[in-house]
Amino acid sequence: MKIPEPRGPISAGLLGILAGEPGGDPVAQTSLEQLVTGQLPLVEDIVDDGDVQLALLCLYELHYGGLDGVDDRWEWNPGLIRIRQLLEEPFEHALRASAELAVPESDRVPSAAAPDSDGVAALLFGLAQADNGPSLSRYVAKKATLEQLGEFLIHKSIYQLKEADPHTWAIPRLAGRAKAALVEIQADEYGGGRPDRMHSALFARTMRGLGLDDRYGCYVDTVPAISLASVNMMSLFGLNRRLRGAIAGHLAIYEMTSSRPNQLYGSGFRRHGFDAHVTGYFDEHVEADAVHEQIAGRDLAGGLVETEPGLLADVLFGATAVLAIDARLTVHIMDAWENGRSSLRTGLPTAA
């Protein structure tokens, strides 16, 4: 990913350190840690704080494809891991608070109640069906302008151009039925061995169809903090073994709330005259996710809870956090569009 523009003192300090040699200036790392410790109490809403979310995105990116020009040895630098943990702690706390608000107290399930795999799936399907927030997919299907379709793709590109990678971290952390289920889902996400059928590749083709730049991370500077937070949530869950239940719940609810919206997204693009070359990404998810939701709910999340009953609470946390954060992102986008504004923070860069 290209180096983004800093959005505040934390991200500026981090990017300054990453420009140097690993271990070359320990004083700078200590200063950044002190800065983070001093700045975090001043942050009103960490989920919507661009400085914190950009810093987290860059720290997480060291574990994916890396940052342009940044030495790969930074990935496991103890000082940066410490800074990441300092940022993760309040972020996770905010996600848990949002997840609790997303589910009425009367509908919450005690962590001691550990149902079988069918019961876990039923709980997750119930959460998905109870989600009654504003519908971005219906807006795209019926009202979105061509420019808004481009903005929609830009928001999604921060994750979709590396689709499935955050969930793949969970594979070595699972066993038995849950592991087999996750591998089955991920094999489809990665195209079943065909690079051109990888879902990230299909999404890149959709972006090119609208004249957008399909290079990974090209639009990081363009999207608001809430878009970054949605992706950082996945990395938080995927990269921390203790949150393996949350990443399973995240993927399960993602699959359960995907098929119908993608059908509507495809309709919105066809309404503007785009053919299967552009809509193929959405059409693929209509079919695939109708199957994946059953595997993810019963075999992945349900199988995990049957093996480790104590993880039920985290499975539900991961699922409800998705609903809460995605609802915030949807409100941000639709509020802007319905009031004649762009949902992006800056103008579009020129496409490659």
Protein backbone atom coordinates (compact mmCIF):
# COMPACT_ATOMS: atom_id res chain seq x y z
CA MET A 1 0.00 0.00 0.00
CA LYS A 2 1.21 3.49 -0.77
CA ILE A 3 2.13 5.68 2.18
CA PRO A 4 -0.97 7.71 3.13
CA GLU A 5 -1.07 11.29 4.31
CA PRO A 6 -1.11 11.56 8.13
CA ARG A 7 -4.33 12.67 9.80
CA GLY A 8 -2.90 13.83 13.12
CA PRO A 9 0.05 13.57 15.50
CA ILE A 10 -0.15 9.79 16.08
CA SER A 11 -0.22 8.79 12.42
CA ALA A 12 2.38 11.44 11.57
CA GLY A 13 4.71 10.14 14.29
CA LEU A 14 4.22 6.54 13.18
CA LEU A 15 4.87 7.25 9.50
CA GLY A 16 7.95 9.22 10.46
CA ILE A 17 9.33 6.21 12.34
CA LEU A 18 8.48 3.80 9.52
CA ALA A 19 10.50 5.92 7.10
CA GLY A 20 13.68 4.93 8.99
CA GLU A 21 15.56 1.73 9.72
CA PRO A 22 14.08 -0.72 12.27
CA GLY A 23 15.69 -0.07 15.63
CA GLY A 24 17.54 2.94 14.29
CA ASP A 25 16.00 5.50 16.64
CA PRO A 26 14.61 3.95 19.85
CA VAL A 27 14.08 7.42 21.30
CA ALA A 28 11.53 8.17 18.55
CA GLN A 29 9.55 5.03 19.41
CA THR A 30 9.53 5.94 23.09
CA SER A 31 8.37 9.44 22.21
CA LEU A 32 5.59 8.05 20.04
CA GLU A 33 4.44 5.73 22.83
CA GLN A 34 4.30 8.70 25.19
CA LEU A 35 2.42 10.69 22.55
CA VAL A 36 -0.14 7.92 22.12
CA THR A 37 -0.59 7.63 25.88
CA GLY A 38 -1.18 11.37 26.11
CA GLN A 39 -3.43 11.67 23.07
CA LEU A 40 -5.83 8.77 23.64
CA PRO A 41 -7.62 10.36 26.63
CA LEU A 42 -8.37 13.36 24.39
CA VAL A 43 -10.08 11.26 21.70
CA GLU A 44 -13.87 11.62 21.96
CA ASP A 45 -14.85 8.82 19.57
CA ILE A 46 -12.05 6.44 18.66
CA VAL A 47 -14.14 4.68 16.01
CA ASP A 48 -14.50 7.95 14.10
CA ASP A 49 -11.03 9.36 14.82
CA GLY A 50 -9.05 9.56 11.60
CA ASP A 51 -5.67 9.84 13.29
CA VAL A 52 -6.09 6.68 15.39
CA GLN A 53 -7.78 4.66 12.66
CA LEU A 54 -5.13 5.53 10.08
CA ALA A 55 -2.34 4.63 12.51
CA LEU A 56 -4.00 1.28 13.21
CA LEU A 57 -4.52 0.63 9.50
CA CYS A 58 -0.81 1.22 8.81
CA LEU A 59 0.28 -0.94 11.74
CA TYR A 60 -1.99 -3.75 10.59
CA GLU A 61 -0.82 -3.36 7.00
CA LEU A 62 2.66 -4.42 8.10
CA HIS A 63 1.14 -7.92 8.57
CA TYR A 64 -0.48 -7.97 5.12
CA GLY A 65 1.20 -6.64 1.99
CA GLY A 66 3.31 -4.03 3.74
CA LEU A 67 3.72 -0.32 3.07
CA ASP A 68 5.53 1.08 0.05
CA GLY A 69 9.18 1.69 0.89
CA VAL A 70 8.86 0.50 4.51
CA ASP A 71 11.34 -2.15 5.68
CA ASP A 72 9.59 -5.51 6.28
CA ARG A 73 11.52 -5.93 9.53
CA TRP A 74 9.20 -3.40 11.16
CA GLU A 75 6.42 -6.03 11.22
CA TRP A 76 7.40 -7.58 14.55
CA ASN A 77 9.24 -4.65 16.08
CA PRO A 78 8.41 -4.80 19.83
CA GLY A 79 8.00 -1.02 20.08
CA LEU A 80 5.42 -0.93 17.29
CA ILE A 81 3.59 -3.95 18.68
CA ARG A 82 3.34 -2.09 22.00
CA ILE A 83 1.96 1.01 20.25
CA ARG A 84 -0.55 -1.13 18.36
CA GLN A 85 -1.73 -2.67 21.63
CA LEU A 86 -2.17 0.77 23.16
CA LEU A 87 -4.43 1.73 20.26
CA GLU A 88 -6.26 -1.60 20.13
CA GLU A 89 -7.36 -1.60 23.76
CA PRO A 90 -9.68 1.45 23.60
CA PHE A 91 -10.76 0.50 20.06
CA GLU A 92 -11.88 -2.94 21.23
CA HIS A 93 -13.61 -1.37 24.23
CA ALA A 94 -15.52 0.97 21.89
CA LEU A 95 -16.51 -1.93 19.62
CA ARG A 96 -17.84 -3.89 22.59
CA ALA A 97 -19.86 -0.88 23.73
CA SER A 98 -21.27 -0.43 20.21
CA ALA A 99 -22.12 -4.12 19.99
CA GLU A 100 -24.05 -3.99 23.26
CA LEU A 101 -26.06 -1.02 22.03
CA ALA A 102 -26.83 -2.83 18.78
CA VAL A 103 -28.76 -5.59 20.59
CA PRO A 104 -31.60 -4.88 23.04
CA GLU A 105 -30.92 -6.27 26.50
CA SER A 106 -33.97 -8.54 26.23
CA ASP A 107 -32.41 -10.25 23.17
CA ARG A 108 -28.96 -10.85 24.64
CA VAL A 109 -27.84 -14.40 25.25
CA PRO A 110 -26.00 -15.26 28.49
CA SER A 111 -22.50 -16.52 27.77
CA ALA A 112 -23.26 -19.53 29.95
CA ALA A 113 -25.94 -20.66 27.50
CA ALA A 114 -23.97 -22.67 24.95
CA PRO A 115 -26.34 -24.15 22.36
CA ASP A 116 -25.39 -26.73 19.75
CA SER A 117 -24.25 -25.69 16.28
CA ASP A 118 -27.81 -25.37 14.96
CA GLY A 119 -28.67 -23.18 17.95
CA VAL A 120 -25.66 -20.94 17.32
CA ALA A 121 -26.67 -20.56 13.69
CA ALA A 122 -30.23 -19.72 14.76
CA LEU A 123 -28.93 -16.99 17.08
CA LEU A 124 -26.83 -15.49 14.29
CA PHE A 125 -29.62 -15.67 11.72
CA GLY A 126 -31.86 -13.98 14.28
CA LEU A 127 -29.37 -11.12 14.64
CA ALA A 128 -29.15 -10.75 10.87
CA GLN A 129 -32.93 -10.67 10.46
CA ALA A 130 -33.36 -8.19 13.32
CA ASP A 131 -31.00 -5.70 11.65
CA ASN A 132 -33.41 -2.92 10.65
CA GLY A 133 -31.00 -0.07 9.99
CA PRO A 134 -31.03 2.08 6.84
CA SER A 135 -30.50 0.07 3.66
CA LEU A 136 -27.62 1.22 1.48
CA SER A 137 -28.29 -1.62 -0.96
CA ARG A 138 -31.87 -0.45 -1.65
CA TYR A 139 -30.62 3.10 -2.17
CA VAL A 140 -27.97 1.88 -4.63
CA ALA A 141 -30.54 -0.25 -6.45
CA LYS A 142 -33.09 2.54 -6.93
CA LYS A 143 -31.54 5.99 -6.49
CA ALA A 144 -27.74 6.15 -6.56
CA THR A 145 -26.17 8.31 -9.25
CA LEU A 146 -23.20 7.18 -11.30
CA GLU A 147 -20.92 9.31 -9.13
CA GLN A 148 -22.38 7.76 -5.99
CA LEU A 149 -21.74 4.29 -7.40
CA GLY A 150 -18.08 5.26 -7.69
CA GLU A 151 -18.02 6.49 -4.10
CA PHE A 152 -19.64 3.26 -2.95
CA LEU A 153 -16.87 1.24 -4.60
CA ILE A 154 -14.19 3.45 -3.09
CA HIS A 155 -15.50 2.89 0.44
CA LYS A 156 -15.61 -0.87 -0.16
CA SER A 157 -12.19 -0.99 -1.83
CA ILE A 158 -10.31 -0.54 1.45
CA TYR A 159 -11.32 -4.10 2.31
CA GLN A 160 -12.58 -5.68 -0.89
CA LEU A 161 -9.22 -5.44 -2.69
CA LYS A 162 -7.83 -7.81 -0.03
CA GLU A 163 -11.10 -9.63 0.56
CA ALA A 164 -10.91 -12.67 2.86
CA ASP A 165 -7.38 -11.99 4.14
CA PRO A 166 -8.36 -10.88 7.70
CA HIS A 167 -10.46 -14.01 8.19
CA THR A 168 -7.69 -16.29 6.94
CA TRP A 169 -5.65 -15.50 10.06
CA ALA A 170 -8.11 -17.68 11.97
CA ILE A 171 -7.36 -20.91 10.08
CA PRO A 172 -4.38 -22.08 12.20
CA ARG A 173 -6.23 -21.04 15.36
CA LEU A 174 -9.16 -23.37 14.79
CA ALA A 175 -9.47 -27.14 14.71
CA GLY A 176 -11.75 -29.85 13.39
CA ARG A 177 -15.13 -28.89 11.98
CA ALA A 178 -14.65 -25.13 12.40
CA LYS A 179 -11.28 -25.17 10.60
CA ALA A 180 -12.60 -27.29 7.73
CA ALA A 181 -15.56 -24.93 7.31
CA LEU A 182 -13.36 -21.84 7.21
CA VAL A 183 -11.02 -23.42 4.66
CA GLU A 184 -14.01 -24.32 2.48
CA ILE A 185 -15.30 -20.74 2.55
CA GLN A 186 -11.88 -19.20 1.98
CA ALA A 187 -11.17 -21.49 -0.98
CA ASP A 188 -14.17 -19.94 -2.73
CA GLU A 189 -13.14 -16.43 -1.70
CA TYR A 190 -9.75 -17.02 -3.31
CA GLY A 191 -11.24 -18.26 -6.57
CA GLY A 192 -10.85 -22.00 -6.12
CA GLY A 193 -7.31 -21.85 -7.47
CA ARG A 194 -8.09 -19.44 -10.33
CA PRO A 195 -6.50 -16.01 -9.78
CA ASP A 196 -9.00 -14.29 -12.08
CA ARG A 197 -11.87 -15.65 -9.99
CA MET A 198 -10.55 -14.39 -6.66
CA HIS A 199 -13.18 -12.08 -5.19
CA SER A 200 -10.59 -9.32 -4.82
CA ALA A 201 -9.83 -9.65 -8.53
CA LEU A 202 -13.53 -9.52 -9.43
CA PHE A 203 -13.90 -6.35 -7.37
CA ALA A 204 -10.86 -4.79 -9.05
CA ARG A 205 -12.52 -5.46 -12.42
CA THR A 206 -15.67 -3.72 -11.21
CA MET A 207 -13.62 -0.69 -10.19
CA ARG A 208 -11.91 -0.53 -13.59
CA GLY A 209 -15.32 -0.69 -15.22
CA LEU A 210 -16.17 2.64 -13.57
CA GLY A 211 -12.82 4.19 -14.41
CA LEU A 212 -11.44 3.87 -10.88
CA ASP A 213 -7.91 2.98 -9.83
CA ASP A 214 -7.80 -0.65 -8.69
CA ARG A 215 -4.44 -0.49 -6.92
CA TYR A 216 -4.78 -1.64 -3.33
CA GLY A 217 -4.96 1.25 -0.87
CA CYS A 218 -5.12 3.92 -3.57
CA TYR A 219 -8.09 5.59 -1.91
CA VAL A 220 -7.06 5.41 1.76
CA ASP A 221 -6.62 9.19 1.89
CA THR A 222 -10.07 9.65 0.37
CA VAL A 223 -12.31 7.69 2.75
CA PRO A 224 -13.48 8.81 6.22
CA ALA A 225 -12.35 7.27 9.49
CA ILE A 226 -15.44 5.08 9.82
CA SER A 227 -14.48 3.25 6.61
CA LEU A 228 -11.03 2.56 8.05
CA ALA A 229 -12.56 1.42 11.35
CA SER A 230 -14.70 -1.17 9.56
CA VAL A 231 -11.56 -2.77 8.11
CA ASN A 232 -9.48 -2.36 11.27
CA MET A 233 -12.15 -4.25 13.19
CA MET A 234 -11.50 -7.30 11.00
CA SER A 235 -7.75 -7.08 11.51
CA LEU A 236 -8.17 -6.68 15.27
CA PHE A 237 -10.27 -9.84 15.40
CA GLY A 238 -8.15 -11.82 12.96
CA LEU A 239 -4.70 -10.99 14.32
CA ASN A 240 -5.47 -11.67 17.99
CA ARG A 241 -5.88 -15.35 18.79
CA ARG A 242 -7.91 -14.55 21.90
CA LEU A 243 -10.55 -13.04 19.57
CA ARG A 244 -10.89 -16.09 17.32
CA GLY A 245 -14.53 -16.32 18.36
CA ALA A 246 -15.11 -12.74 17.23
CA ILE A 247 -13.60 -13.28 13.78
CA ALA A 248 -15.78 -16.38 13.35
CA GLY A 249 -18.88 -14.40 14.32
CA HIS A 250 -17.78 -11.55 12.05
CA LEU A 251 -17.50 -13.80 9.02
CA ALA A 252 -20.75 -15.59 9.80
CA ILE A 253 -22.81 -12.40 9.98
CA TYR A 254 -21.00 -11.03 6.93
CA GLU A 255 -22.13 -14.03 4.90
CA MET A 256 -25.65 -13.96 6.34
CA THR A 257 -26.18 -10.33 5.38
CA SER A 258 -24.56 -10.49 1.94
CA SER A 259 -26.65 -12.34 -0.63
CA ARG A 260 -29.71 -10.06 -0.89
CA PRO A 261 -27.76 -6.76 -0.64
CA ASN A 262 -25.39 -7.90 -3.41
CA GLN A 263 -28.38 -8.71 -5.59
CA LEU A 264 -29.59 -5.13 -5.07
CA TYR A 265 -26.12 -3.68 -5.69
CA GLY A 266 -25.97 -5.52 -8.98
CA SER A 267 -29.37 -4.11 -9.91
CA GLY A 268 -28.15 -0.59 -9.20
CA PHE A 269 -25.19 -0.97 -11.53
CA ARG A 270 -27.33 -2.57 -14.25
CA ARG A 271 -29.72 0.37 -13.92
CA HIS A 272 -26.85 2.55 -15.17
CA GLY A 273 -26.18 0.26 -18.12
CA PHE A 274 -23.30 -1.84 -16.80
CA ASP A 275 -23.11 -5.46 -17.92
CA ALA A 276 -21.83 -8.65 -16.30
CA HIS A 277 -18.22 -7.52 -16.70
CA VAL A 278 -18.91 -4.95 -13.97
CA THR A 279 -21.69 -6.66 -12.03
CA GLY A 280 -19.90 -10.04 -11.90
CA TYR A 281 -18.53 -9.33 -8.43
CA PHE A 282 -22.01 -8.78 -6.98
CA ASP A 283 -23.56 -11.64 -8.96
CA GLU A 284 -20.92 -14.04 -7.64
CA HIS A 285 -21.75 -13.12 -4.05
CA VAL A 286 -25.50 -13.64 -4.53
CA GLU A 287 -24.88 -17.31 -5.29
CA ALA A 288 -21.80 -18.02 -3.18
CA ASP A 289 -22.93 -16.35 0.02
CA ALA A 290 -26.27 -18.14 0.03
CA VAL A 291 -24.19 -21.29 0.56
CA HIS A 292 -21.50 -19.70 2.72
CA GLU A 293 -24.01 -18.40 5.28
CA GLN A 294 -25.02 -21.95 6.18
CA ILE A 295 -21.42 -23.18 6.43
CA ALA A 296 -20.33 -20.12 8.43
CA GLY A 297 -23.29 -20.22 10.80
CA ARG A 298 -23.46 -23.94 11.57
CA ASP A 299 -20.03 -25.39 10.88
CA LEU A 300 -17.69 -22.46 11.50
CA ALA A 301 -19.32 -20.49 14.34
CA GLY A 302 -21.49 -23.37 15.57
CA GLY A 303 -18.68 -25.91 15.36
CA LEU A 304 -16.35 -23.57 17.23
CA VAL A 305 -18.83 -23.05 20.08
CA GLU A 306 -19.51 -26.78 20.35
CA THR A 307 -15.76 -27.32 20.80
CA GLU A 308 -15.17 -24.24 22.97
CA PRO A 309 -18.47 -23.21 24.62
CA GLY A 310 -16.83 -20.28 26.37
CA LEU A 311 -16.39 -18.54 23.00
CA LEU A 312 -20.12 -18.03 22.41
CA ALA A 313 -20.02 -14.52 23.85
CA ASP A 314 -17.17 -13.51 21.53
CA VAL A 315 -18.89 -15.06 18.50
CA LEU A 316 -21.93 -12.90 19.22
CA PHE A 317 -19.71 -9.90 19.92
CA GLY A 318 -18.03 -10.23 16.52
CA ALA A 319 -21.41 -10.48 14.80
CA THR A 320 -23.06 -7.57 16.57
CA ALA A 321 -19.99 -5.36 16.16
CA VAL A 322 -20.28 -5.81 12.39
CA LEU A 323 -23.91 -4.72 12.45
CA ALA A 324 -23.13 -1.70 14.63
CA ILE A 325 -20.12 -0.39 12.68
CA ASP A 326 -21.63 -1.08 9.27
CA ALA A 327 -24.76 0.79 10.36
CA ARG A 328 -22.63 3.80 11.26
CA LEU A 329 -20.90 3.68 7.88
CA THR A 330 -24.25 3.40 6.10
CA VAL A 331 -25.66 6.38 8.01
CA HIS A 332 -22.57 8.43 7.09
CA ILE A 333 -22.87 7.61 3.39
CA MET A 334 -26.62 8.01 3.06
CA ASP A 335 -26.75 11.22 5.09
CA ALA A 336 -24.23 12.74 2.71
CA TRP A 337 -25.96 11.52 -0.43
CA GLU A 338 -29.46 12.50 0.66
CA ASN A 339 -28.18 16.00 1.41
CA GLY A 340 -26.37 16.40 -1.91
CA ARG A 341 -22.83 15.96 -0.51
CA SER A 342 -20.00 13.58 -1.24
CA SER A 343 -19.52 10.83 1.35
CA LEU A 344 -15.75 11.02 0.83
CA ARG A 345 -13.41 13.27 2.80
CA THR A 346 -11.46 14.52 -0.23
CA GLY A 347 -11.93 14.71 -3.96
CA LEU A 348 -11.15 11.69 -6.11
CA PRO A 349 -7.51 11.25 -7.16
CA THR A 350 -6.93 10.76 -10.89
CA ALA A 351 -7.32 7.15 -11.90
CA ALA A 352 -4.25 5.31 -13.16
